[in-house]
Amino acid sequence: QVQLVESGGGLVQPGGSLRLSCAASGFTFRSYAMKWYRQAPGKEREWVASIDGSGGMRTYTGSVKGRFTISRDNAKNTVFLQMNSLKPEDTAVYYCYANTYWGQGTQVTVSS
């Protein structure tokens, strides 16, 4: 069955960096666009970034553009989200999404 397993979240100070990973299984990974979403406390889940199957097309929501980078390794069935210059407003649970499936999420907390 389809599984999406996120990792890499944690507590980081403002201005710091984290790299999230999402390991996928149960479907032909390279055939699907992969997306990252996030949900902050009391807010709706919002789209953060997308990457197409080949990795050649990447898009970002405006608030993370220039700070976050989405990438993928089709040989390892894994998608990444490199997050730099983190801000307190980036605090959220980050979810991986593909092919109508969601991961369980990983908590990112940006605080001094």
PDB file of N, CA and C in Angstrom:
ATOM      1  N   GLN A   1       0.835  -1.176   0.000  1.00  0.00           N
ATOM      2  CA  GLN A   1       0.000   0.000   0.000  1.00  0.00           C
ATOM      3  C   GLN A   1       0.885   1.246   0.000  1.00  0.00           C
ATOM      4  N   VAL A   2       0.276   2.369  -0.328  1.00  0.00           N
ATOM      5  CA  VAL A   2       1.026   3.622  -0.394  1.00  0.00           C
ATOM      6  C   VAL A   2       1.412   4.072   1.019  1.00  0.00           C
ATOM      7  N   GLN A   3       2.669   4.441   1.164  1.00  0.00           N
ATOM      8  CA  GLN A   3       3.154   5.001   2.429  1.00  0.00           C
ATOM      9  C   GLN A   3       4.013   6.219   2.137  1.00  0.00           C
ATOM     10  N   LEU A   4       3.801   7.250   2.929  1.00  0.00           N
ATOM     11  CA  LEU A   4       4.622   8.458   2.895  1.00  0.00           C
ATOM     12  C   LEU A   4       5.067   8.711   4.329  1.00  0.00           C
ATOM     13  N   VAL A   5       6.360   8.694   4.556  1.00  0.00           N
ATOM     14  CA  VAL A   5       6.889   8.819   5.910  1.00  0.00           C
ATOM     15  C   VAL A   5       7.837  10.004   5.979  1.00  0.00           C
ATOM     16  N   GLU A   6       7.409  11.035   6.710  1.00  0.00           N
ATOM     17  CA  GLU A   6       8.230  12.237   6.857  1.00  0.00           C
ATOM     18  C   GLU A   6       9.188  12.096   8.041  1.00  0.00           C
ATOM     19  N   SER A   7      10.292  12.817   7.951  1.00  0.00           N
ATOM     20  CA  SER A   7      11.259  12.889   9.040  1.00  0.00           C
ATOM     21  C   SER A   7      12.036  14.184   8.912  1.00  0.00           C
ATOM     22  N   GLY A   8      12.780  14.515   9.975  1.00  0.00           N
ATOM     23  CA  GLY A   8      13.657  15.674   9.917  1.00  0.00           C
ATOM     24  C   GLY A   8      13.165  16.903  10.645  1.00  0.00           C
ATOM     25  N   GLY A   9      11.960  16.856  11.186  1.00  0.00           N
ATOM     26  CA  GLY A   9      11.463  18.006  11.930  1.00  0.00           C
ATOM     27  C   GLY A   9      12.179  18.164  13.259  1.00  0.00           C
ATOM     28  N   GLY A  10      11.885  19.273  13.933  1.00  0.00           N
ATOM     29  CA  GLY A  10      12.503  19.508  15.233  1.00  0.00           C
ATOM     30  C   GLY A  10      12.359  20.946  15.660  1.00  0.00           C
ATOM     31  N   LEU A  11      13.116  21.302  16.693  1.00  0.00           N
ATOM     32  CA  LEU A  11      13.134  22.658  17.228  1.00  0.00           C
ATOM     33  C   LEU A  11      14.381  23.364  16.722  1.00  0.00           C
ATOM     34  N   VAL A  12      14.203  24.552  16.177  1.00  0.00           N
ATOM     35  CA  VAL A  12      15.323  25.307  15.642  1.00  0.00           C
ATOM     36  C   VAL A  12      15.124  26.779  15.970  1.00  0.00           C
ATOM     37  N   GLN A  13      16.215  27.495  16.139  1.00  0.00           N
ATOM     38  CA  GLN A  13      16.143  28.924  16.425  1.00  0.00           C
ATOM     39  C   GLN A  13      15.838  29.711  15.153  1.00  0.00           C
ATOM     40  N   PRO A  14      15.245  30.869  15.290  1.00  0.00           N
ATOM     41  CA  PRO A  14      15.031  31.724  14.112  1.00  0.00           C
ATOM     42  C   PRO A  14      16.331  31.949  13.358  1.00  0.00           C
ATOM     43  N   GLY A  15      16.240  31.867  12.033  1.00  0.00           N
ATOM     44  CA  GLY A  15      17.418  31.984  11.194  1.00  0.00           C
ATOM     45  C   GLY A  15      18.108  30.669  10.905  1.00  0.00           C
ATOM     46  N   GLY A  16      17.686  29.621  11.587  1.00  0.00           N
ATOM     47  CA  GLY A  16      18.303  28.317  11.405  1.00  0.00           C
ATOM     48  C   GLY A  16      17.747  27.563  10.205  1.00  0.00           C
ATOM     49  N   SER A  17      18.215  26.330  10.065  1.00  0.00           N
ATOM     50  CA  SER A  17      17.849  25.495   8.922  1.00  0.00           C
ATOM     51  C   SER A  17      17.422  24.104   9.379  1.00  0.00           C
ATOM     52  N   LEU A  18      16.566  23.503   8.578  1.00  0.00           N
ATOM     53  CA  LEU A  18      16.182  22.100   8.743  1.00  0.00           C
ATOM     54  C   LEU A  18      15.990  21.503   7.358  1.00  0.00           C
ATOM     55  N   ARG A  19      16.192  20.200   7.271  1.00  0.00           N
ATOM     56  CA  ARG A  19      15.932  19.477   6.028  1.00  0.00           C
ATOM     57  C   ARG A  19      14.948  18.359   6.313  1.00  0.00           C
ATOM     58  N   LEU A  20      13.776  18.480   5.713  1.00  0.00           N
ATOM     59  CA  LEU A  20      12.762  17.443   5.849  1.00  0.00           C
ATOM     60  C   LEU A  20      12.916  16.417   4.735  1.00  0.00           C
ATOM     61  N   SER A  21      12.593  15.172   5.064  1.00  0.00           N
ATOM     62  CA  SER A  21      12.592  14.095   4.082  1.00  0.00           C
ATOM     63  C   SER A  21      11.234  13.402   4.105  1.00  0.00           C
ATOM     64  N   CYS A  22      10.861  12.864   2.966  1.00  0.00           N
ATOM     65  CA  CYS A  22       9.634  12.067   2.865  1.00  0.00           C
ATOM     66  C   CYS A  22       9.960  10.846   2.025  1.00  0.00           C
ATOM     67  N   ALA A  23       9.944   9.690   2.658  1.00  0.00           N
ATOM     68  CA  ALA A  23      10.215   8.436   1.974  1.00  0.00           C
ATOM     69  C   ALA A  23       8.902   7.836   1.498  1.00  0.00           C
ATOM     70  N   ALA A  24       8.830   7.542   0.209  1.00  0.00           N
ATOM     71  CA  ALA A  24       7.597   7.059  -0.400  1.00  0.00           C
ATOM     72  C   ALA A  24       7.722   5.599  -0.817  1.00  0.00           C
ATOM     73  N   SER A  25       6.607   4.900  -0.769  1.00  0.00           N
ATOM     74  CA  SER A  25       6.569   3.515  -1.239  1.00  0.00           C
ATOM     75  C   SER A  25       5.141   3.169  -1.653  1.00  0.00           C
ATOM     76  N   GLY A  26       5.027   2.116  -2.464  1.00  0.00           N
ATOM     77  CA  GLY A  26       3.710   1.634  -2.851  1.00  0.00           C
ATOM     78  C   GLY A  26       3.152   2.215  -4.140  1.00  0.00           C
ATOM     79  N   PHE A  27       3.937   3.055  -4.811  1.00  0.00           N
ATOM     80  CA  PHE A  27       3.507   3.580  -6.102  1.00  0.00           C
ATOM     81  C   PHE A  27       4.763   3.934  -6.913  1.00  0.00           C
ATOM     82  N   THR A  28       4.571   4.201  -8.188  1.00  0.00           N
ATOM     83  CA  THR A  28       5.693   4.528  -9.069  1.00  0.00           C
ATOM     84  C   THR A  28       6.093   5.972  -8.829  1.00  0.00           C
ATOM     85  N   PHE A  29       7.050   6.141  -7.933  1.00  0.00           N
ATOM     86  CA  PHE A  29       7.405   7.457  -7.407  1.00  0.00           C
ATOM     87  C   PHE A  29       7.698   8.468  -8.509  1.00  0.00           C
ATOM     88  N   ARG A  30       8.481   8.084  -9.485  1.00  0.00           N
ATOM     89  CA  ARG A  30       8.930   9.047 -10.487  1.00  0.00           C
ATOM     90  C   ARG A  30       7.806   9.552 -11.382  1.00  0.00           C
ATOM     91  N   SER A  31       6.658   8.889 -11.318  1.00  0.00           N
ATOM     92  CA  SER A  31       5.524   9.269 -12.165  1.00  0.00           C
ATOM     93  C   SER A  31       4.640  10.343 -11.551  1.00  0.00           C
ATOM     94  N   TYR A  32       4.919  10.707 -10.313  1.00  0.00           N
ATOM     95  CA  TYR A  32       4.015  11.603  -9.603  1.00  0.00           C
ATOM     96  C   TYR A  32       4.715  12.853  -9.104  1.00  0.00           C
ATOM     97  N   ALA A  33       4.009  13.973  -9.237  1.00  0.00           N
ATOM     98  CA  ALA A  33       4.442  15.176  -8.559  1.00  0.00           C
ATOM     99  C   ALA A  33       4.350  14.952  -7.055  1.00  0.00           C
ATOM    100  N   MET A  34       5.253  15.583  -6.334  1.00  0.00           N
ATOM    101  CA  MET A  34       5.264  15.510  -4.877  1.00  0.00           C
ATOM    102  C   MET A  34       5.061  16.911  -4.314  1.00  0.00           C
ATOM    103  N   LYS A  35       4.370  16.988  -3.197  1.00  0.00           N
ATOM    104  CA  LYS A  35       4.067  18.292  -2.605  1.00  0.00           C
ATOM    105  C   LYS A  35       4.327  18.264  -1.103  1.00  0.00           C
ATOM    106  N   TRP A  36       4.661  19.427  -0.590  1.00  0.00           N
ATOM    107  CA  TRP A  36       4.737  19.657   0.854  1.00  0.00           C
ATOM    108  C   TRP A  36       3.632  20.644   1.230  1.00  0.00           C
ATOM    109  N   TYR A  37       2.956  20.337   2.314  1.00  0.00           N
ATOM    110  CA  TYR A  37       1.975  21.219   2.920  1.00  0.00           C
ATOM    111  C   TYR A  37       2.386  21.444   4.375  1.00  0.00           C
ATOM    112  N   ARG A  38       1.763  22.424   5.002  1.00  0.00           N
ATOM    113  CA  ARG A  38       1.977  22.635   6.434  1.00  0.00           C
ATOM    114  C   ARG A  38       0.691  23.127   7.077  1.00  0.00           C
ATOM    115  N   GLN A  39       0.587  22.861   8.377  1.00  0.00           N
ATOM    116  CA  GLN A  39      -0.567  23.304   9.125  1.00  0.00           C
ATOM    117  C   GLN A  39      -0.116  23.824  10.480  1.00  0.00           C
ATOM    118  N   ALA A  40      -0.318  25.112  10.667  1.00  0.00           N
ATOM    119  CA  ALA A  40       0.022  25.746  11.936  1.00  0.00           C
ATOM    120  C   ALA A  40      -1.165  25.611  12.890  1.00  0.00           C
ATOM    121  N   PRO A  41      -0.906  25.708  14.201  1.00  0.00           N
ATOM    122  CA  PRO A  41      -2.010  25.586  15.173  1.00  0.00           C
ATOM    123  C   PRO A  41      -3.120  26.592  14.896  1.00  0.00           C
ATOM    124  N   GLY A  42      -4.353  26.101  14.827  1.00  0.00           N
ATOM    125  CA  GLY A  42      -5.496  26.972  14.629  1.00  0.00           C
ATOM    126  C   GLY A  42      -5.692  27.476  13.215  1.00  0.00           C
ATOM    127  N   LYS A  43      -4.865  26.975  12.292  1.00  0.00           N
ATOM    128  CA  LYS A  43      -4.973  27.432  10.901  1.00  0.00           C
ATOM    129  C   LYS A  43      -5.252  26.261   9.969  1.00  0.00           C
ATOM    130  N   GLU A  44      -5.696  26.590   8.760  1.00  0.00           N
ATOM    131  CA  GLU A  44      -5.933  25.550   7.768  1.00  0.00           C
ATOM    132  C   GLU A  44      -4.604  25.069   7.176  1.00  0.00           C
ATOM    133  N   ARG A  45      -4.643  23.857   6.675  1.00  0.00           N
ATOM    134  CA  ARG A  45      -3.460  23.330   6.003  1.00  0.00           C
ATOM    135  C   ARG A  45      -3.212  24.132   4.731  1.00  0.00           C
ATOM    136  N   GLU A  46      -1.953  24.481   4.486  1.00  0.00           N
ATOM    137  CA  GLU A  46      -1.622  25.264   3.307  1.00  0.00           C
ATOM    138  C   GLU A  46      -0.515  24.590   2.506  1.00  0.00           C
ATOM    139  N   TRP A  47      -0.599  24.773   1.209  1.00  0.00           N
ATOM    140  CA  TRP A  47       0.415  24.255   0.296  1.00  0.00           C
ATOM    141  C   TRP A  47       1.703  25.064   0.446  1.00  0.00           C
ATOM    142  N   VAL A  48       2.838  24.368   0.421  1.00  0.00           N
ATOM    143  CA  VAL A  48       4.144  25.017   0.563  1.00  0.00           C
ATOM    144  C   VAL A  48       4.951  24.953  -0.729  1.00  0.00           C
ATOM    145  N   ALA A  49       5.073  23.752  -1.297  1.00  0.00           N
ATOM    146  CA  ALA A  49       5.935  23.598  -2.468  1.00  0.00           C
ATOM    147  C   ALA A  49       5.562  22.340  -3.231  1.00  0.00           C
ATOM    148  N   SER A  50       5.875  22.335  -4.521  1.00  0.00           N
ATOM    149  CA  SER A  50       5.619  21.180  -5.388  1.00  0.00           C
ATOM    150  C   SER A  50       6.818  20.939  -6.287  1.00  0.00           C
ATOM    151  N   ILE A  51       6.961  19.676  -6.688  1.00  0.00           N
ATOM    152  CA  ILE A  51       8.002  19.316  -7.660  1.00  0.00           C
ATOM    153  C   ILE A  51       7.424  18.254  -8.580  1.00  0.00           C
ATOM    154  N   ASP A  52       7.692  18.378  -9.875  1.00  0.00           N
ATOM    155  CA  ASP A  52       7.148  17.395 -10.814  1.00  0.00           C
ATOM    156  C   ASP A  52       7.955  16.108 -10.754  1.00  0.00           C
ATOM    157  N   GLY A  53       7.511  15.112 -11.531  1.00  0.00           N
ATOM    158  CA  GLY A  53       8.105  13.787 -11.439  1.00  0.00           C
ATOM    159  C   GLY A  53       9.575  13.734 -11.784  1.00  0.00           C
ATOM    160  N   SER A  54       9.977  14.564 -12.722  1.00  0.00           N
ATOM    161  CA  SER A  54      11.377  14.553 -13.150  1.00  0.00           C
ATOM    162  C   SER A  54      12.252  15.445 -12.279  1.00  0.00           C
ATOM    163  N   GLY A  55      11.623  16.311 -11.498  1.00  0.00           N
ATOM    164  CA  GLY A  55      12.377  17.263 -10.689  1.00  0.00           C
ATOM    165  C   GLY A  55      12.714  18.548 -11.409  1.00  0.00           C
ATOM    166  N   GLY A  56      12.233  18.688 -12.641  1.00  0.00           N
ATOM    167  CA  GLY A  56      12.584  19.853 -13.422  1.00  0.00           C
ATOM    168  C   GLY A  56      11.730  21.073 -13.183  1.00  0.00           C
ATOM    169  N   MET A  57      10.587  20.899 -12.594  1.00  0.00           N
ATOM    170  CA  MET A  57       9.698  22.028 -12.336  1.00  0.00           C
ATOM    171  C   MET A  57       9.362  22.080 -10.843  1.00  0.00           C
ATOM    172  N   ARG A  58       9.652  23.223 -10.245  1.00  0.00           N
ATOM    173  CA  ARG A  58       9.419  23.412  -8.823  1.00  0.00           C
ATOM    174  C   ARG A  58       8.648  24.707  -8.632  1.00  0.00           C
ATOM    175  N   THR A  59       7.700  24.697  -7.733  1.00  0.00           N
ATOM    176  CA  THR A  59       6.930  25.897  -7.422  1.00  0.00           C
ATOM    177  C   THR A  59       6.798  26.029  -5.910  1.00  0.00           C
ATOM    178  N   TYR A  60       6.630  27.294  -5.479  1.00  0.00           N
ATOM    179  CA  TYR A  60       6.610  27.584  -4.041  1.00  0.00           C
ATOM    180  C   TYR A  60       5.530  28.610  -3.720  1.00  0.00           C
ATOM    181  N   THR A  61       5.003  28.527  -2.524  1.00  0.00           N
ATOM    182  CA  THR A  61       4.156  29.594  -2.051  1.00  0.00           C
ATOM    183  C   THR A  61       5.026  30.808  -1.758  1.00  0.00           C
ATOM    184  N   GLY A  62       4.428  31.983  -1.857  1.00  0.00           N
ATOM    185  CA  GLY A  62       5.226  33.201  -1.796  1.00  0.00           C
ATOM    186  C   GLY A  62       6.007  33.395  -0.518  1.00  0.00           C
ATOM    187  N   SER A  63       5.466  32.967   0.605  1.00  0.00           N
ATOM    188  CA  SER A  63       6.105  33.225   1.892  1.00  0.00           C
ATOM    189  C   SER A  63       7.392  32.420   2.103  1.00  0.00           C
ATOM    190  N   VAL A  64       7.630  31.398   1.299  1.00  0.00           N
ATOM    191  CA  VAL A  64       8.841  30.584   1.472  1.00  0.00           C
ATOM    192  C   VAL A  64       9.796  30.712   0.296  1.00  0.00           C
ATOM    193  N   LYS A  65       9.375  31.402  -0.742  1.00  0.00           N
ATOM    194  CA  LYS A  65      10.212  31.520  -1.940  1.00  0.00           C
ATOM    195  C   LYS A  65      11.538  32.185  -1.594  1.00  0.00           C
ATOM    196  N   GLY A  66      12.621  31.572  -2.044  1.00  0.00           N
ATOM    197  CA  GLY A  66      13.952  32.092  -1.741  1.00  0.00           C
ATOM    198  C   GLY A  66      14.541  31.553  -0.452  1.00  0.00           C
ATOM    199  N   ARG A  67      13.733  30.909   0.363  1.00  0.00           N
ATOM    200  CA  ARG A  67      14.221  30.337   1.624  1.00  0.00           C
ATOM    201  C   ARG A  67      14.147  28.806   1.630  1.00  0.00           C
ATOM    202  N   PHE A  68      13.119  28.248   0.996  1.00  0.00           N
ATOM    203  CA  PHE A  68      12.921  26.803   0.963  1.00  0.00           C
ATOM    204  C   PHE A  68      13.257  26.264  -0.428  1.00  0.00           C
ATOM    205  N   THR A  69      13.768  25.030  -0.464  1.00  0.00           N
ATOM    206  CA  THR A  69      14.047  24.360  -1.730  1.00  0.00           C
ATOM    207  C   THR A  69      13.507  22.937  -1.670  1.00  0.00           C
ATOM    208  N   ILE A  70      12.656  22.606  -2.632  1.00  0.00           N
ATOM    209  CA  ILE A  70      12.146  21.234  -2.742  1.00  0.00           C
ATOM    210  C   ILE A  70      13.003  20.488  -3.762  1.00  0.00           C
ATOM    211  N   SER A  71      13.290  19.230  -3.476  1.00  0.00           N
ATOM    212  CA  SER A  71      14.070  18.398  -4.398  1.00  0.00           C
ATOM    213  C   SER A  71      13.617  16.954  -4.220  1.00  0.00           C
ATOM    214  N   ARG A  72      14.074  16.114  -5.124  1.00  0.00           N
ATOM    215  CA  ARG A  72      13.702  14.695  -5.032  1.00  0.00           C
ATOM    216  C   ARG A  72      14.832  13.829  -5.546  1.00  0.00           C
ATOM    217  N   ASP A  73      14.863  12.599  -5.034  1.00  0.00           N
ATOM    218  CA  ASP A  73      15.805  11.586  -5.486  1.00  0.00           C
ATOM    219  C   ASP A  73      14.960  10.396  -5.927  1.00  0.00           C
ATOM    220  N   ASN A  74      14.762  10.269  -7.233  1.00  0.00           N
ATOM    221  CA  ASN A  74      13.888   9.199  -7.728  1.00  0.00           C
ATOM    222  C   ASN A  74      14.504   7.812  -7.549  1.00  0.00           C
ATOM    223  N   ALA A  75      15.807   7.736  -7.400  1.00  0.00           N
ATOM    224  CA  ALA A  75      16.449   6.439  -7.145  1.00  0.00           C
ATOM    225  C   ALA A  75      16.158   5.948  -5.727  1.00  0.00           C
ATOM    226  N   LYS A  76      15.891   6.906  -4.820  1.00  0.00           N
ATOM    227  CA  LYS A  76      15.629   6.543  -3.427  1.00  0.00           C
ATOM    228  C   LYS A  76      14.184   6.769  -3.025  1.00  0.00           C
ATOM    229  N   ASN A  77      13.341   7.142  -4.005  1.00  0.00           N
ATOM    230  CA  ASN A  77      11.914   7.371  -3.717  1.00  0.00           C
ATOM    231  C   ASN A  77      11.716   8.336  -2.555  1.00  0.00           C
ATOM    232  N   THR A  78      12.461   9.425  -2.584  1.00  0.00           N
ATOM    233  CA  THR A  78      12.438  10.367  -1.473  1.00  0.00           C
ATOM    234  C   THR A  78      12.338  11.794  -2.004  1.00  0.00           C
ATOM    235  N   VAL A  79      11.549  12.595  -1.317  1.00  0.00           N
ATOM    236  CA  VAL A  79      11.465  14.019  -1.613  1.00  0.00           C
ATOM    237  C   VAL A  79      11.947  14.777  -0.374  1.00  0.00           C
ATOM    238  N   PHE A  80      12.573  15.921  -0.621  1.00  0.00           N
ATOM    239  CA  PHE A  80      13.180  16.701   0.451  1.00  0.00           C
ATOM    240  C   PHE A  80      12.612  18.121   0.458  1.00  0.00           C
ATOM    241  N   LEU A  81      12.692  18.749   1.618  1.00  0.00           N
ATOM    242  CA  LEU A  81      12.405  20.172   1.717  1.00  0.00           C
ATOM    243  C   LEU A  81      13.504  20.794   2.566  1.00  0.00           C
ATOM    244  N   GLN A  82      14.399  21.520   1.918  1.00  0.00           N
ATOM    245  CA  GLN A  82      15.451  22.242   2.617  1.00  0.00           C
ATOM    246  C   GLN A  82      14.895  23.591   3.028  1.00  0.00           C
ATOM    247  N   MET A  83      14.912  23.858   4.319  1.00  0.00           N
ATOM    248  CA  MET A  83      14.332  25.086   4.853  1.00  0.00           C
ATOM    249  C   MET A  83      15.425  25.909   5.508  1.00  0.00           C
ATOM    250  N   ASN A  84      15.698  27.077   4.956  1.00  0.00           N
ATOM    251  CA  ASN A  84      16.713  27.985   5.486  1.00  0.00           C
ATOM    252  C   ASN A  84      16.058  29.272   5.982  1.00  0.00           C
ATOM    253  N   SER A  85      16.805  30.024   6.742  1.00  0.00           N
ATOM    254  CA  SER A  85      16.322  31.308   7.273  1.00  0.00           C
ATOM    255  C   SER A  85      14.939  31.158   7.894  1.00  0.00           C
ATOM    256  N   LEU A  86      14.805  30.174   8.729  1.00  0.00           N
ATOM    257  CA  LEU A  86      13.497  29.866   9.301  1.00  0.00           C
ATOM    258  C   LEU A  86      13.015  30.987  10.215  1.00  0.00           C
ATOM    259  N   LYS A  87      11.700  31.173  10.202  1.00  0.00           N
ATOM    260  CA  LYS A  87      11.044  32.204  10.990  1.00  0.00           C
ATOM    261  C   LYS A  87      10.034  31.552  11.936  1.00  0.00           C
ATOM    262  N   PRO A  88       9.691  32.241  13.014  1.00  0.00           N
ATOM    263  CA  PRO A  88       8.683  31.663  13.927  1.00  0.00           C
ATOM    264  C   PRO A  88       7.375  31.319  13.208  1.00  0.00           C
ATOM    265  N   GLU A  89       7.025  32.091  12.188  1.00  0.00           N
ATOM    266  CA  GLU A  89       5.784  31.812  11.466  1.00  0.00           C
ATOM    267  C   GLU A  89       5.853  30.577  10.580  1.00  0.00           C
ATOM    268  N   ASP A  90       7.028  29.969  10.475  1.00  0.00           N
ATOM    269  CA  ASP A  90       7.157  28.686   9.774  1.00  0.00           C
ATOM    270  C   ASP A  90       6.800  27.509  10.682  1.00  0.00           C
ATOM    271  N   THR A  91       6.566  27.773  11.951  1.00  0.00           N
ATOM    272  CA  THR A  91       6.191  26.714  12.878  1.00  0.00           C
ATOM    273  C   THR A  91       4.887  26.063  12.444  1.00  0.00           C
ATOM    274  N   ALA A  92       4.929  24.742  12.272  1.00  0.00           N
ATOM    275  CA  ALA A  92       3.769  24.001  11.784  1.00  0.00           C
ATOM    276  C   ALA A  92       4.111  22.519  11.750  1.00  0.00           C
ATOM    277  N   VAL A  93       3.087  21.720  11.527  1.00  0.00           N
ATOM    278  CA  VAL A  93       3.311  20.329  11.152  1.00  0.00           C
ATOM    279  C   VAL A  93       3.408  20.298   9.634  1.00  0.00           C
ATOM    280  N   TYR A  94       4.464  19.696   9.129  1.00  0.00           N
ATOM    281  CA  TYR A  94       4.718  19.630   7.689  1.00  0.00           C
ATOM    282  C   TYR A  94       4.343  18.242   7.172  1.00  0.00           C
ATOM    283  N   TYR A  95       3.571  18.235   6.091  1.00  0.00           N
ATOM    284  CA  TYR A  95       3.064  17.005   5.517  1.00  0.00           C
ATOM    285  C   TYR A  95       3.560  16.827   4.083  1.00  0.00           C
ATOM    286  N   CYS A  96       3.835  15.596   3.749  1.00  0.00           N
ATOM    287  CA  CYS A  96       4.157  15.188   2.392  1.00  0.00           C
ATOM    288  C   CYS A  96       2.864  14.686   1.739  1.00  0.00           C
ATOM    289  N   TYR A  97       2.706  14.987   0.439  1.00  0.00           N
ATOM    290  CA  TYR A  97       1.476  14.595  -0.268  1.00  0.00           C
ATOM    291  C   TYR A  97       1.813  14.110  -1.669  1.00  0.00           C
ATOM    292  N   ALA A  98       1.150  13.017  -2.058  1.00  0.00           N
ATOM    293  CA  ALA A  98       1.275  12.527  -3.431  1.00  0.00           C
ATOM    294  C   ALA A  98       0.130  11.576  -3.745  1.00  0.00           C
ATOM    295  N   ASN A  99      -0.384  11.666  -4.946  1.00  0.00           N
ATOM    296  CA  ASN A  99      -1.304  10.645  -5.443  1.00  0.00           C
ATOM    297  C   ASN A  99      -2.498  10.442  -4.504  1.00  0.00           C
ATOM    298  N   THR A 100      -3.009  11.507  -3.949  1.00  0.00           N
ATOM    299  CA  THR A 100      -4.144  11.557  -3.013  1.00  0.00           C
ATOM    300  C   THR A 100      -3.801  11.042  -1.615  1.00  0.00           C
ATOM    301  N   TYR A 101      -2.548  10.740  -1.370  1.00  0.00           N
ATOM    302  CA  TYR A 101      -2.138  10.234  -0.060  1.00  0.00           C
ATOM    303  C   TYR A 101      -1.346  11.283   0.736  1.00  0.00           C
ATOM    304  N   TRP A 102      -1.489  11.203   2.050  1.00  0.00           N
ATOM    305  CA  TRP A 102      -0.780  12.091   2.973  1.00  0.00           C
ATOM    306  C   TRP A 102       0.136  11.291   3.886  1.00  0.00           C
ATOM    307  N   GLY A 103       1.251  11.903   4.245  1.00  0.00           N
ATOM    308  CA  GLY A 103       2.058  11.342   5.310  1.00  0.00           C
ATOM    309  C   GLY A 103       1.470  11.698   6.665  1.00  0.00           C
ATOM    310  N   GLN A 104       2.159  11.266   7.718  1.00  0.00           N
ATOM    311  CA  GLN A 104       1.658  11.494   9.081  1.00  0.00           C
ATOM    312  C   GLN A 104       2.072  12.854   9.618  1.00  0.00           C
ATOM    313  N   GLY A 105       3.025  13.494   8.975  1.00  0.00           N
ATOM    314  CA  GLY A 105       3.470  14.822   9.364  1.00  0.00           C
ATOM    315  C   GLY A 105       4.676  14.794  10.281  1.00  0.00           C
ATOM    316  N   THR A 106       5.432  15.893  10.245  1.00  0.00           N
ATOM    317  CA  THR A 106       6.570  16.070  11.136  1.00  0.00           C
ATOM    318  C   THR A 106       6.528  17.502  11.670  1.00  0.00           C
ATOM    319  N   GLN A 107       6.749  17.650  12.960  1.00  0.00           N
ATOM    320  CA  GLN A 107       6.611  18.955  13.608  1.00  0.00           C
ATOM    321  C   GLN A 107       7.873  19.784  13.414  1.00  0.00           C
ATOM    322  N   VAL A 108       7.686  21.015  12.986  1.00  0.00           N
ATOM    323  CA  VAL A 108       8.765  21.994  12.903  1.00  0.00           C
ATOM    324  C   VAL A 108       8.404  23.152  13.829  1.00  0.00           C
ATOM    325  N   THR A 109       9.300  23.438  14.757  1.00  0.00           N
ATOM    326  CA  THR A 109       9.086  24.538  15.693  1.00  0.00           C
ATOM    327  C   THR A 109      10.265  25.490  15.604  1.00  0.00           C
ATOM    328  N   VAL A 110       9.971  26.746  15.307  1.00  0.00           N
ATOM    329  CA  VAL A 110      11.000  27.773  15.197  1.00  0.00           C
ATOM    330  C   VAL A 110      10.808  28.735  16.360  1.00  0.00           C
ATOM    331  N   SER A 111      11.744  28.699  17.289  1.00  0.00           N
ATOM    332  CA  SER A 111      11.603  29.494  18.500  1.00  0.00           C
ATOM    333  C   SER A 111      12.958  29.692  19.152  1.00  0.00           C
ATOM    334  N   SER A 112      13.114  30.842  19.799  1.00  0.00           N
ATOM    335  CA  SER A 112      14.336  31.090  20.540  1.00  0.00           C
ATOM    336  C   SER A 112      14.160  30.697  22.005  1.00  0.00           C
TER     337      SER A 112
END
